[in-house]
Protein backbone atom coordinates (compact mmCIF):
# COMPACT_ATOMS: atom_id res chain seq x y z
CA MET A 1 37.92 105.32 10.86
CA GLY A 2 37.89 104.73 14.60
CA GLY A 3 35.60 106.01 17.32
CA GLY A 4 32.34 105.61 15.43
CA ARG A 5 33.53 107.78 12.55
CA ARG A 6 33.25 106.76 8.93
CA ALA A 7 33.57 108.32 5.51
CA SER A 8 31.83 107.74 2.22
CA ARG A 9 32.28 109.19 -1.22
CA THR A 10 29.97 110.02 -4.09
CA ASP A 11 31.07 110.68 -7.67
CA ASP A 12 29.05 113.55 -9.13
CA PRO A 13 30.25 116.04 -8.09
CA LEU A 14 33.18 114.40 -6.32
CA GLU A 15 32.67 114.90 -2.59
CA VAL A 16 33.57 113.25 0.68
CA THR A 17 31.14 112.89 3.56
CA ALA A 18 32.47 112.23 7.05
CA TYR A 19 30.03 110.96 9.67
CA VAL A 20 31.04 111.66 13.28
CA SER A 21 28.80 109.02 14.82
CA PRO A 22 25.60 107.27 13.79
CA SER A 23 23.93 108.25 17.06
CA THR A 24 24.60 112.00 16.66
CA GLN A 25 23.76 112.07 12.93
CA ILE A 26 26.44 114.76 12.48
CA ALA A 27 27.99 114.75 9.02
CA VAL A 28 30.28 117.05 7.09
CA ARG A 29 30.18 117.02 3.27
CA VAL A 30 33.16 118.49 1.45
CA PRO A 31 33.28 118.89 -2.35
CA ILE A 32 36.65 117.98 -3.86
CA ASP A 33 38.00 119.71 -6.97
CA VAL A 34 40.22 117.29 -8.87
CA ALA A 35 41.84 117.33 -12.29
CA PRO A 36 40.03 115.68 -15.21
CA GLY A 37 40.72 111.94 -15.27
CA TRP A 38 41.97 111.89 -11.66
CA LEU A 39 39.20 109.63 -10.38
CA GLU A 40 39.50 107.12 -13.21
CA GLU A 41 43.30 107.02 -12.89
CA ASN A 42 43.12 106.31 -9.18
CA ARG A 43 40.42 103.67 -9.61
CA LEU A 44 42.77 101.86 -12.01
CA ARG A 45 45.56 102.07 -9.42
CA LEU A 46 43.23 100.64 -6.78
CA ASP A 47 42.23 97.81 -9.13
CA ARG A 48 45.92 96.93 -9.66
CA VAL A 49 46.60 96.93 -5.91
CA LEU A 50 43.56 94.76 -5.19
CA ALA A 51 44.59 92.32 -7.95
CA ALA A 52 48.14 92.11 -6.53
CA VAL A 53 46.84 91.51 -3.01
CA SER A 54 44.41 88.79 -4.09
CA ALA A 55 47.10 87.11 -6.23
CA SER A 56 49.45 86.93 -3.24
CA SER A 57 46.81 85.40 -0.91
């Protein structure tokens, strides 16, 4: 994310934390309600994309 903003994610419960800027220490944490298996399914998709990208390099 630009402008000193960044995001991180934790798994239990699934939530996203967005940091506005390290100097302000402002953060917003948002819990995400997803269907069972959603996280695992999307991690597998990410693994396939990363494998395809590394194979083409």
